[in-house]
């Protein structure tokens, strides 16, 4: 097979992956600023305000990196912190509310 054909096929596959990633990011855009619970592939749970999703190359593959802001709570009020957690390979993202979420300092 000619190198040009191999390159064309690789670019076509990369464009399909990029399109799928952009579509997934657009689907998650409505969660920005919302209180969420994200569970990763290892079973670890992250709770906080959803900030963004980015697609990065990690271990020679494209993976999603979700950024979640920590929760600050004081006198019954809560807001997002500037400190963040980054979650890779999330398997579950759920929107939650303050009523069913408790944050212990």
PDB file of N, CA and C in Angstrom:
ATOM      1  N   UNK A   1       0.851  -1.175   0.000  1.00  0.00           N
ATOM      2  CA  UNK A   1       0.000   0.000   0.000  1.00  0.00           C
ATOM      3  C   UNK A   1       0.903   1.246   0.000  1.00  0.00           C
ATOM      4  N   UNK A   2       0.533   2.218  -0.771  1.00  0.00           N
ATOM      5  CA  UNK A   2       1.321   3.439  -0.890  1.00  0.00           C
ATOM      6  C   UNK A   2       1.245   4.258   0.399  1.00  0.00           C
ATOM      7  N   UNK A   3       2.331   4.937   0.753  1.00  0.00           N
ATOM      8  CA  UNK A   3       2.328   5.765   1.970  1.00  0.00           C
ATOM      9  C   UNK A   3       1.260   6.864   1.934  1.00  0.00           C
ATOM     10  N   UNK A   4       0.979   7.404   0.739  1.00  0.00           N
ATOM     11  CA  UNK A   4      -0.034   8.462   0.619  1.00  0.00           C
ATOM     12  C   UNK A   4      -1.410   7.957   1.033  1.00  0.00           C
ATOM     13  N   UNK A   5      -1.719   6.735   0.644  1.00  0.00           N
ATOM     14  CA  UNK A   5      -3.023   6.149   0.982  1.00  0.00           C
ATOM     15  C   UNK A   5      -3.108   5.894   2.482  1.00  0.00           C
ATOM     16  N   UNK A   6      -2.023   5.405   3.066  1.00  0.00           N
ATOM     17  CA  UNK A   6      -1.997   5.156   4.517  1.00  0.00           C
ATOM     18  C   UNK A   6      -2.199   6.470   5.273  1.00  0.00           C
ATOM     19  N   UNK A   7      -1.553   7.527   4.814  1.00  0.00           N
ATOM     20  CA  UNK A   7      -1.704   8.843   5.465  1.00  0.00           C
ATOM     21  C   UNK A   7      -3.126   9.354   5.313  1.00  0.00           C
ATOM     22  N   UNK A   8      -3.711   9.214   4.113  1.00  0.00           N
ATOM     23  CA  UNK A   8      -5.092   9.660   3.893  1.00  0.00           C
ATOM     24  C   UNK A   8      -6.066   8.908   4.798  1.00  0.00           C
ATOM     25  N   UNK A   9      -5.880   7.606   4.944  1.00  0.00           N
ATOM     26  CA  UNK A   9      -6.754   6.818   5.810  1.00  0.00           C
ATOM     27  C   UNK A   9      -6.597   7.228   7.274  1.00  0.00           C
ATOM     28  N   UNK A  10      -5.347   7.482   7.685  1.00  0.00           N
ATOM     29  CA  UNK A  10      -5.105   7.934   9.052  1.00  0.00           C
ATOM     30  C   UNK A  10      -5.751   9.280   9.331  1.00  0.00           C
ATOM     31  N   UNK A  11      -5.654  10.207   8.380  1.00  0.00           N
ATOM     32  CA  UNK A  11      -6.283  11.522   8.549  1.00  0.00           C
ATOM     33  C   UNK A  11      -7.801  11.413   8.593  1.00  0.00           C
ATOM     34  N   UNK A  12      -8.358  10.537   7.767  1.00  0.00           N
ATOM     35  CA  UNK A  12      -9.802  10.341   7.771  1.00  0.00           C
ATOM     36  C   UNK A  12     -10.266   9.816   9.137  1.00  0.00           C
ATOM     37  N   UNK A  13      -9.538   8.849   9.686  1.00  0.00           N
ATOM     38  CA  UNK A  13      -9.870   8.306  11.011  1.00  0.00           C
ATOM     39  C   UNK A  13      -9.730   9.363  12.091  1.00  0.00           C
ATOM     40  N   UNK A  14      -8.663  10.172  12.022  1.00  0.00           N
ATOM     41  CA  UNK A  14      -8.447  11.237  13.007  1.00  0.00           C
ATOM     42  C   UNK A  14      -9.569  12.267  12.950  1.00  0.00           C
ATOM     43  N   UNK A  15     -10.028  12.601  11.749  1.00  0.00           N
ATOM     44  CA  UNK A  15     -11.125  13.568  11.606  1.00  0.00           C
ATOM     45  C   UNK A  15     -12.426  13.024  12.189  1.00  0.00           C
ATOM     46  N   UNK A  16     -12.662  11.739  12.019  1.00  0.00           N
ATOM     47  CA  UNK A  16     -13.865  11.120  12.601  1.00  0.00           C
ATOM     48  C   UNK A  16     -13.793  11.164  14.126  1.00  0.00           C
ATOM     49  N   UNK A  17     -12.624  10.836  14.701  1.00  0.00           N
ATOM     50  CA  UNK A  17     -12.451  10.897  16.157  1.00  0.00           C
ATOM     51  C   UNK A  17     -12.632  12.326  16.672  1.00  0.00           C
ATOM     52  N   UNK A  18     -12.082  13.300  15.962  1.00  0.00           N
ATOM     53  CA  UNK A  18     -12.224  14.698  16.362  1.00  0.00           C
ATOM     54  C   UNK A  18     -13.679  15.135  16.333  1.00  0.00           C
ATOM     55  N   UNK A  19     -14.394  14.750  15.305  1.00  0.00           N
ATOM     56  CA  UNK A  19     -15.821  15.096  15.193  1.00  0.00           C
ATOM     57  C   UNK A  19     -16.608  14.494  16.354  1.00  0.00           C
ATOM     58  N   UNK A  20     -16.334  13.238  16.689  1.00  0.00           N
ATOM     59  CA  UNK A  20     -17.016  12.587  17.814  1.00  0.00           C
ATOM     60  C   UNK A  20     -16.684  13.278  19.136  1.00  0.00           C
ATOM     61  N   UNK A  21     -15.418  13.678  19.308  1.00  0.00           N
ATOM     62  CA  UNK A  21     -15.006  14.371  20.531  1.00  0.00           C
ATOM     63  C   UNK A  21     -15.692  15.726  20.646  1.00  0.00           C
ATOM     64  N   UNK A  22     -15.775  16.457  19.552  1.00  0.00           N
ATOM     65  CA  UNK A  22     -16.442  17.757  19.569  1.00  0.00           C
ATOM     66  C   UNK A  22     -17.924  17.606  19.884  1.00  0.00           C
ATOM     67  N   UNK A  23     -18.543  16.571  19.358  1.00  0.00           N
ATOM     68  CA  UNK A  23     -19.959  16.320  19.626  1.00  0.00           C
ATOM     69  C   UNK A  23     -20.170  15.992  21.106  1.00  0.00           C
ATOM     70  N   UNK A  24     -19.293  15.180  21.671  1.00  0.00           N
ATOM     71  CA  UNK A  24     -19.392  14.823  23.104  1.00  0.00           C
ATOM     72  C   UNK A  24     -19.202  16.067  23.983  1.00  0.00           C
ATOM     73  N   UNK A  25     -18.245  16.912  23.619  1.00  0.00           N
ATOM     74  CA  UNK A  25     -18.007  18.145  24.379  1.00  0.00           C
ATOM     75  C   UNK A  25     -19.229  19.062  24.312  1.00  0.00           C
ATOM     76  N   UNK A  26     -19.867  19.147  23.157  1.00  0.00           N
ATOM     77  CA  UNK A  26     -21.067  19.972  23.014  1.00  0.00           C
ATOM     78  C   UNK A  26     -22.214  19.427  23.866  1.00  0.00           C
ATOM     79  N   UNK A  27     -22.316  18.107  23.964  1.00  0.00           N
ATOM     80  CA  UNK A  27     -23.354  17.490  24.787  1.00  0.00           C
ATOM     81  C   UNK A  27     -23.163  17.829  26.266  1.00  0.00           C
ATOM     82  N   UNK A  28     -21.904  17.944  26.700  1.00  0.00           N
ATOM     83  CA  UNK A  28     -21.608  18.213  28.107  1.00  0.00           C
ATOM     84  C   UNK A  28     -21.570  19.704  28.432  1.00  0.00           C
ATOM     85  N   UNK A  29     -21.679  20.554  27.429  1.00  0.00           N
ATOM     86  CA  UNK A  29     -21.583  21.996  27.627  1.00  0.00           C
ATOM     87  C   UNK A  29     -22.674  22.520  28.568  1.00  0.00           C
ATOM     88  N   UNK A  30     -23.837  21.886  28.570  1.00  0.00           N
ATOM     89  CA  UNK A  30     -24.933  22.344  29.438  1.00  0.00           C
ATOM     90  C   UNK A  30     -24.648  22.115  30.924  1.00  0.00           C
ATOM     91  N   UNK A  31     -23.627  21.331  31.247  1.00  0.00           N
ATOM     92  CA  UNK A  31     -23.291  21.060  32.649  1.00  0.00           C
ATOM     93  C   UNK A  31     -22.354  22.103  33.259  1.00  0.00           C
ATOM     94  N   UNK A  32     -21.831  23.036  32.465  1.00  0.00           N
ATOM     95  CA  UNK A  32     -20.887  24.022  32.992  1.00  0.00           C
ATOM     96  C   UNK A  32     -21.513  24.791  34.146  1.00  0.00           C
ATOM     97  N   UNK A  33     -20.797  24.827  35.261  1.00  0.00           N
ATOM     98  CA  UNK A  33     -21.280  25.536  36.444  1.00  0.00           C
ATOM     99  C   UNK A  33     -22.245  24.740  37.306  1.00  0.00           C
ATOM    100  N   UNK A  34     -22.625  23.563  36.865  1.00  0.00           N
ATOM    101  CA  UNK A  34     -23.563  22.727  37.621  1.00  0.00           C
ATOM    102  C   UNK A  34     -22.798  21.846  38.606  1.00  0.00           C
ATOM    103  N   UNK A  35     -23.472  21.483  39.677  1.00  0.00           N
ATOM    104  CA  UNK A  35     -22.913  20.570  40.667  1.00  0.00           C
ATOM    105  C   UNK A  35     -23.047  19.143  40.129  1.00  0.00           C
ATOM    106  N   UNK A  36     -21.918  18.440  40.005  1.00  0.00           N
ATOM    107  CA  UNK A  36     -21.926  17.106  39.410  1.00  0.00           C
ATOM    108  C   UNK A  36     -21.155  16.114  40.271  1.00  0.00           C
ATOM    109  N   UNK A  37     -21.428  14.848  40.023  1.00  0.00           N
ATOM    110  CA  UNK A  37     -20.660  13.737  40.583  1.00  0.00           C
ATOM    111  C   UNK A  37     -20.132  12.961  39.393  1.00  0.00           C
ATOM    112  N   UNK A  38     -18.803  12.817  39.312  1.00  0.00           N
ATOM    113  CA  UNK A  38     -18.162  12.101  38.210  1.00  0.00           C
ATOM    114  C   UNK A  38     -17.443  10.886  38.777  1.00  0.00           C
ATOM    115  N   UNK A  39     -17.675   9.746  38.155  1.00  0.00           N
ATOM    116  CA  UNK A  39     -17.013   8.500  38.560  1.00  0.00           C
ATOM    117  C   UNK A  39     -16.076   8.086  37.439  1.00  0.00           C
ATOM    118  N   UNK A  40     -14.820   7.789  37.787  1.00  0.00           N
ATOM    119  CA  UNK A  40     -13.854   7.394  36.758  1.00  0.00           C
ATOM    120  C   UNK A  40     -13.804   5.877  36.602  1.00  0.00           C
ATOM    121  N   UNK A  41     -12.974   5.420  35.667  1.00  0.00           N
ATOM    122  CA  UNK A  41     -12.884   3.992  35.352  1.00  0.00           C
ATOM    123  C   UNK A  41     -12.360   3.163  36.522  1.00  0.00           C
ATOM    124  N   UNK A  42     -11.646   3.801  37.457  1.00  0.00           N
ATOM    125  CA  UNK A  42     -11.119   3.090  38.628  1.00  0.00           C
ATOM    126  C   UNK A  42     -12.100   3.057  39.794  1.00  0.00           C
ATOM    127  N   UNK A  43     -13.276   3.662  39.630  1.00  0.00           N
ATOM    128  CA  UNK A  43     -14.285   3.673  40.680  1.00  0.00           C
ATOM    129  C   UNK A  43     -14.183   4.851  41.631  1.00  0.00           C
ATOM    130  N   UNK A  44     -13.230   5.748  41.412  1.00  0.00           N
ATOM    131  CA  UNK A  44     -13.076   6.918  42.271  1.00  0.00           C
ATOM    132  C   UNK A  44     -14.126   7.966  41.885  1.00  0.00           C
ATOM    133  N   UNK A  45     -14.720   8.602  42.895  1.00  0.00           N
ATOM    134  CA  UNK A  45     -15.771   9.586  42.671  1.00  0.00           C
ATOM    135  C   UNK A  45     -15.261  10.986  42.977  1.00  0.00           C
ATOM    136  N   UNK A  46     -15.592  11.918  42.089  1.00  0.00           N
ATOM    137  CA  UNK A  46     -15.236  13.326  42.261  1.00  0.00           C
ATOM    138  C   UNK A  46     -16.519  14.132  42.292  1.00  0.00           C
ATOM    139  N   UNK A  47     -16.601  15.064  43.244  1.00  0.00           N
ATOM    140  CA  UNK A  47     -17.793  15.888  43.386  1.00  0.00           C
ATOM    141  C   UNK A  47     -17.383  17.348  43.311  1.00  0.00           C
ATOM    142  N   UNK A  48     -18.159  18.124  42.594  1.00  0.00           N
ATOM    143  CA  UNK A  48     -17.867  19.546  42.502  1.00  0.00           C
ATOM    144  C   UNK A  48     -18.612  20.199  41.362  1.00  0.00           C
ATOM    145  N   UNK A  49     -18.188  21.408  41.038  1.00  0.00           N
ATOM    146  CA  UNK A  49     -18.803  22.165  39.958  1.00  0.00           C
ATOM    147  C   UNK A  49     -18.086  21.836  38.649  1.00  0.00           C
ATOM    148  N   UNK A  50     -18.855  21.452  37.640  1.00  0.00           N
ATOM    149  CA  UNK A  50     -18.289  21.085  36.339  1.00  0.00           C
ATOM    150  C   UNK A  50     -17.745  22.335  35.665  1.00  0.00           C
ATOM    151  N   UNK A  51     -16.478  22.285  35.237  1.00  0.00           N
ATOM    152  CA  UNK A  51     -15.873  23.433  34.566  1.00  0.00           C
ATOM    153  C   UNK A  51     -15.729  23.198  33.061  1.00  0.00           C
ATOM    154  N   UNK A  52     -15.103  22.077  32.674  1.00  0.00           N
ATOM    155  CA  UNK A  52     -14.857  21.874  31.242  1.00  0.00           C
ATOM    156  C   UNK A  52     -14.502  20.427  30.934  1.00  0.00           C
ATOM    157  N   UNK A  53     -14.516  20.129  29.654  1.00  0.00           N
ATOM    158  CA  UNK A  53     -14.015  18.852  29.150  1.00  0.00           C
ATOM    159  C   UNK A  53     -13.061  19.172  28.007  1.00  0.00           C
ATOM    160  N   UNK A  54     -11.923  18.498  28.012  1.00  0.00           N
ATOM    161  CA  UNK A  54     -10.925  18.644  26.958  1.00  0.00           C
ATOM    162  C   UNK A  54     -10.530  17.251  26.506  1.00  0.00           C
ATOM    163  N   UNK A  55     -10.111  17.156  25.274  1.00  0.00           N
ATOM    164  CA  UNK A  55      -9.663  15.873  24.764  1.00  0.00           C
ATOM    165  C   UNK A  55      -8.166  15.950  24.538  1.00  0.00           C
ATOM    166  N   UNK A  56      -7.442  15.036  25.180  1.00  0.00           N
ATOM    167  CA  UNK A  56      -5.987  15.047  25.165  1.00  0.00           C
ATOM    168  C   UNK A  56      -5.463  13.682  24.724  1.00  0.00           C
ATOM    169  N   UNK A  57      -4.223  13.662  24.279  1.00  0.00           N
ATOM    170  CA  UNK A  57      -3.572  12.399  23.926  1.00  0.00           C
ATOM    171  C   UNK A  57      -2.822  11.918  25.158  1.00  0.00           C
ATOM    172  N   UNK A  58      -3.185  10.745  25.626  1.00  0.00           N
ATOM    173  CA  UNK A  58      -2.596  10.165  26.822  1.00  0.00           C
ATOM    174  C   UNK A  58      -2.317   8.694  26.535  1.00  0.00           C
ATOM    175  N   UNK A  59      -1.093   8.270  26.708  1.00  0.00           N
ATOM    176  CA  UNK A  59      -0.697   6.881  26.422  1.00  0.00           C
ATOM    177  C   UNK A  59      -1.050   6.481  24.989  1.00  0.00           C
ATOM    178  N   UNK A  60      -0.769   7.369  24.048  1.00  0.00           N
ATOM    179  CA  UNK A  60      -0.995   7.131  22.611  1.00  0.00           C
ATOM    180  C   UNK A  60      -2.458   6.896  22.251  1.00  0.00           C
ATOM    181  N   UNK A  61      -3.352   7.501  22.990  1.00  0.00           N
ATOM    182  CA  UNK A  61      -4.777   7.432  22.646  1.00  0.00           C
ATOM    183  C   UNK A  61      -5.447   8.732  23.062  1.00  0.00           C
ATOM    184  N   UNK A  62      -6.573   9.010  22.440  1.00  0.00           N
ATOM    185  CA  UNK A  62      -7.323  10.216  22.782  1.00  0.00           C
ATOM    186  C   UNK A  62      -8.229   9.901  23.958  1.00  0.00           C
ATOM    187  N   UNK A  63      -8.153  10.723  24.977  1.00  0.00           N
ATOM    188  CA  UNK A  63      -8.986  10.518  26.163  1.00  0.00           C
ATOM    189  C   UNK A  63      -9.580  11.847  26.608  1.00  0.00           C
ATOM    190  N   UNK A  64     -10.676  11.784  27.314  1.00  0.00           N
ATOM    191  CA  UNK A  64     -11.339  12.990  27.809  1.00  0.00           C
ATOM    192  C   UNK A  64     -10.795  13.344  29.189  1.00  0.00           C
ATOM    193  N   UNK A  65     -10.546  14.649  29.386  1.00  0.00           N
ATOM    194  CA  UNK A  65     -10.114  15.150  30.692  1.00  0.00           C
ATOM    195  C   UNK A  65     -11.192  16.117  31.168  1.00  0.00           C
ATOM    196  N   UNK A  66     -11.848  15.755  32.260  1.00  0.00           N
ATOM    197  CA  UNK A  66     -12.915  16.569  32.837  1.00  0.00           C
ATOM    198  C   UNK A  66     -12.343  17.364  34.002  1.00  0.00           C
ATOM    199  N   UNK A  67     -12.659  18.656  34.057  1.00  0.00           N
ATOM    200  CA  UNK A  67     -12.180  19.507  35.131  1.00  0.00           C
ATOM    201  C   UNK A  67     -13.357  19.861  36.030  1.00  0.00           C
ATOM    202  N   UNK A  68     -13.176  19.614  37.325  1.00  0.00           N
ATOM    203  CA  UNK A  68     -14.218  19.860  38.324  1.00  0.00           C
ATOM    204  C   UNK A  68     -13.648  20.772  39.399  1.00  0.00           C
ATOM    205  N   UNK A  69     -14.354  21.858  39.702  1.00  0.00           N
ATOM    206  CA  UNK A  69     -13.929  22.783  40.758  1.00  0.00           C
ATOM    207  C   UNK A  69     -14.388  22.259  42.109  1.00  0.00           C
ATOM    208  N   UNK A  70     -13.520  22.361  43.095  1.00  0.00           N
ATOM    209  CA  UNK A  70     -13.881  21.961  44.449  1.00  0.00           C
ATOM    210  C   UNK A  70     -15.003  22.862  44.969  1.00  0.00           C
ATOM    211  N   UNK A  71     -15.654  22.401  46.010  1.00  0.00           N
ATOM    212  CA  UNK A  71     -16.774  23.138  46.598  1.00  0.00           C
ATOM    213  C   UNK A  71     -16.308  23.861  47.849  1.00  0.00           C
ATOM    214  N   UNK A  72     -16.639  25.140  47.924  1.00  0.00           N
ATOM    215  CA  UNK A  72     -16.413  25.917  49.139  1.00  0.00           C
ATOM    216  C   UNK A  72     -17.767  26.117  49.803  1.00  0.00           C
ATOM    217  N   UNK A  73     -17.831  25.834  51.094  1.00  0.00           N
ATOM    218  CA  UNK A  73     -19.091  25.971  51.817  1.00  0.00           C
ATOM    219  C   UNK A  73     -18.842  26.754  53.096  1.00  0.00           C
ATOM    220  N   UNK A  74     -19.678  27.754  53.329  1.00  0.00           N
ATOM    221  CA  UNK A  74     -19.549  28.571  54.524  1.00  0.00           C
ATOM    222  C   UNK A  74     -20.910  29.165  54.872  1.00  0.00           C
ATOM    223  N   UNK A  75     -21.358  28.949  56.094  1.00  0.00           N
ATOM    224  CA  UNK A  75     -22.629  29.497  56.579  1.00  0.00           C
ATOM    225  C   UNK A  75     -23.807  29.171  55.664  1.00  0.00           C
ATOM    226  N   UNK A  76     -23.840  27.962  55.166  1.00  0.00           N
ATOM    227  CA  UNK A  76     -24.960  27.532  54.332  1.00  0.00           C
ATOM    228  C   UNK A  76     -24.866  27.943  52.879  1.00  0.00           C
ATOM    229  N   UNK A  77     -23.844  28.674  52.510  1.00  0.00           N
ATOM    230  CA  UNK A  77     -23.650  29.060  51.125  1.00  0.00           C
ATOM    231  C   UNK A  77     -22.544  28.212  50.520  1.00  0.00           C
ATOM    232  N   UNK A  78     -22.626  27.994  49.226  1.00  0.00           N
ATOM    233  CA  UNK A  78     -21.583  27.236  48.556  1.00  0.00           C
ATOM    234  C   UNK A  78     -21.247  27.882  47.231  1.00  0.00           C
ATOM    235  N   UNK A  79     -19.977  27.715  46.830  1.00  0.00           N
ATOM    236  CA  UNK A  79     -19.527  28.272  45.560  1.00  0.00           C
ATOM    237  C   UNK A  79     -18.327  27.459  45.080  1.00  0.00           C
ATOM    238  N   UNK A  80     -18.006  27.593  43.782  1.00  0.00           N
ATOM    239  CA  UNK A  80     -16.847  26.854  43.271  1.00  0.00           C
ATOM    240  C   UNK A  80     -15.529  27.480  43.715  1.00  0.00           C
ATOM    241  N   UNK A  81     -14.580  26.638  43.991  1.00  0.00           N
ATOM    242  CA  UNK A  81     -13.240  27.063  44.355  1.00  0.00           C
ATOM    243  C   UNK A  81     -12.403  27.220  43.089  1.00  0.00           C
ATOM    244  N   UNK A  82     -11.285  27.892  43.213  1.00  0.00           N
ATOM    245  CA  UNK A  82     -10.334  27.966  42.100  1.00  0.00           C
ATOM    246  C   UNK A  82      -9.516  26.689  42.006  1.00  0.00           C
ATOM    247  N   UNK A  83      -9.507  25.877  43.050  1.00  0.00           N
ATOM    248  CA  UNK A  83      -8.796  24.603  43.041  1.00  0.00           C
ATOM    249  C   UNK A  83      -9.634  23.575  42.284  1.00  0.00           C
ATOM    250  N   UNK A  84      -8.976  22.771  41.477  1.00  0.00           N
ATOM    251  CA  UNK A  84      -9.708  21.836  40.633  1.00  0.00           C
ATOM    252  C   UNK A  84      -9.145  20.422  40.742  1.00  0.00           C
ATOM    253  N   UNK A  85      -9.970  19.469  40.334  1.00  0.00           N
ATOM    254  CA  UNK A  85      -9.558  18.084  40.122  1.00  0.00           C
ATOM    255  C   UNK A  85      -9.718  17.801  38.639  1.00  0.00           C
ATOM    256  N   UNK A  86      -8.850  16.975  38.107  1.00  0.00           N
ATOM    257  CA  UNK A  86      -8.976  16.534  36.726  1.00  0.00           C
ATOM    258  C   UNK A  86      -9.276  15.050  36.717  1.00  0.00           C
ATOM    259  N   UNK A  87     -10.306  14.677  35.979  1.00  0.00           N
ATOM    260  CA  UNK A  87     -10.762  13.300  35.921  1.00  0.00           C
ATOM    261  C   UNK A  87     -10.564  12.788  34.494  1.00  0.00           C
ATOM    262  N   UNK A  88      -9.933  11.629  34.368  1.00  0.00           N
ATOM    263  CA  UNK A  88      -9.735  11.009  33.069  1.00  0.00           C
ATOM    264  C   UNK A  88     -10.617   9.778  32.966  1.00  0.00           C
ATOM    265  N   UNK A  89     -11.089   9.511  31.776  1.00  0.00           N
ATOM    266  CA  UNK A  89     -11.875   8.296  31.504  1.00  0.00           C
ATOM    267  C   UNK A  89     -13.079   8.153  32.436  1.00  0.00           C
ATOM    268  N   UNK A  90     -13.915   9.170  32.472  1.00  0.00           N
ATOM    269  CA  UNK A  90     -15.130   9.111  33.291  1.00  0.00           C
ATOM    270  C   UNK A  90     -16.102   8.093  32.712  1.00  0.00           C
ATOM    271  N   UNK A  91     -16.705   7.315  33.587  1.00  0.00           N
ATOM    272  CA  UNK A  91     -17.695   6.334  33.147  1.00  0.00           C
ATOM    273  C   UNK A  91     -19.110   6.778  33.486  1.00  0.00           C
ATOM    274  N   UNK A  92     -19.227   7.739  34.407  1.00  0.00           N
ATOM    275  CA  UNK A  92     -20.555   8.225  34.801  1.00  0.00           C
ATOM    276  C   UNK A  92     -20.449   9.685  35.220  1.00  0.00           C
ATOM    277  N   UNK A  93     -21.325  10.509  34.659  1.00  0.00           N
ATOM    278  CA  UNK A  93     -21.419  11.920  35.053  1.00  0.00           C
ATOM    279  C   UNK A  93     -22.877  12.188  35.377  1.00  0.00           C
ATOM    280  N   UNK A  94     -23.118  12.558  36.635  1.00  0.00           N
ATOM    281  CA  UNK A  94     -24.487  12.824  37.071  1.00  0.00           C
ATOM    282  C   UNK A  94     -24.594  14.228  37.649  1.00  0.00           C
ATOM    283  N   UNK A  95     -25.621  14.917  37.233  1.00  0.00           N
ATOM    284  CA  UNK A  95     -25.919  16.214  37.823  1.00  0.00           C
ATOM    285  C   UNK A  95     -26.583  15.949  39.162  1.00  0.00           C
ATOM    286  N   UNK A  96     -26.216  16.716  40.156  1.00  0.00           N
ATOM    287  CA  UNK A  96     -26.796  16.537  41.481  1.00  0.00           C
ATOM    288  C   UNK A  96     -27.220  17.902  42.003  1.00  0.00           C
ATOM    289  N   UNK A  97     -27.822  17.924  43.156  1.00  0.00           N
ATOM    290  CA  UNK A  97     -28.246  19.188  43.747  1.00  0.00           C
ATOM    291  C   UNK A  97     -27.658  19.308  45.149  1.00  0.00           C
ATOM    292  N   UNK A  98     -27.755  20.476  45.697  1.00  0.00           N
ATOM    293  CA  UNK A  98     -27.206  20.732  47.019  1.00  0.00           C
ATOM    294  C   UNK A  98     -27.940  19.927  48.086  1.00  0.00           C
ATOM    295  N   UNK A  99     -29.212  19.659  47.884  1.00  0.00           N
ATOM    296  CA  UNK A  99     -30.007  18.959  48.897  1.00  0.00           C
ATOM    297  C   UNK A  99     -29.509  17.533  49.127  1.00  0.00           C
ATOM    298  N   UNK A 100     -29.074  16.856  48.068  1.00  0.00           N
ATOM    299  CA  UNK A 100     -28.617  15.473  48.262  1.00  0.00           C
ATOM    300  C   UNK A 100     -27.099  15.371  48.225  1.00  0.00           C
ATOM    301  N   UNK A 101     -26.426  16.470  48.486  1.00  0.00           N
ATOM    302  CA  UNK A 101     -24.977  16.471  48.522  1.00  0.00           C
ATOM    303  C   UNK A 101     -24.510  17.108  49.810  1.00  0.00           C
ATOM    304  N   UNK A 102     -23.633  16.441  50.500  1.00  0.00           N
ATOM    305  CA  UNK A 102     -23.064  16.988  51.734  1.00  0.00           C
ATOM    306  C   UNK A 102     -21.552  16.971  51.615  1.00  0.00           C
ATOM    307  N   UNK A 103     -20.932  18.059  51.924  1.00  0.00           N
ATOM    308  CA  UNK A 103     -19.490  18.202  51.810  1.00  0.00           C
ATOM    309  C   UNK A 103     -18.920  18.380  53.207  1.00  0.00           C
ATOM    310  N   UNK A 104     -18.057  17.473  53.621  1.00  0.00           N
ATOM    311  CA  UNK A 104     -17.466  17.558  54.946  1.00  0.00           C
ATOM    312  C   UNK A 104     -16.077  18.149  54.850  1.00  0.00           C
ATOM    313  N   UNK A 105     -15.809  19.171  55.644  1.00  0.00           N
ATOM    314  CA  UNK A 105     -14.507  19.823  55.649  1.00  0.00           C
ATOM    315  C   UNK A 105     -13.618  19.140  56.658  1.00  0.00           C
TER     316      UNK A 105
END
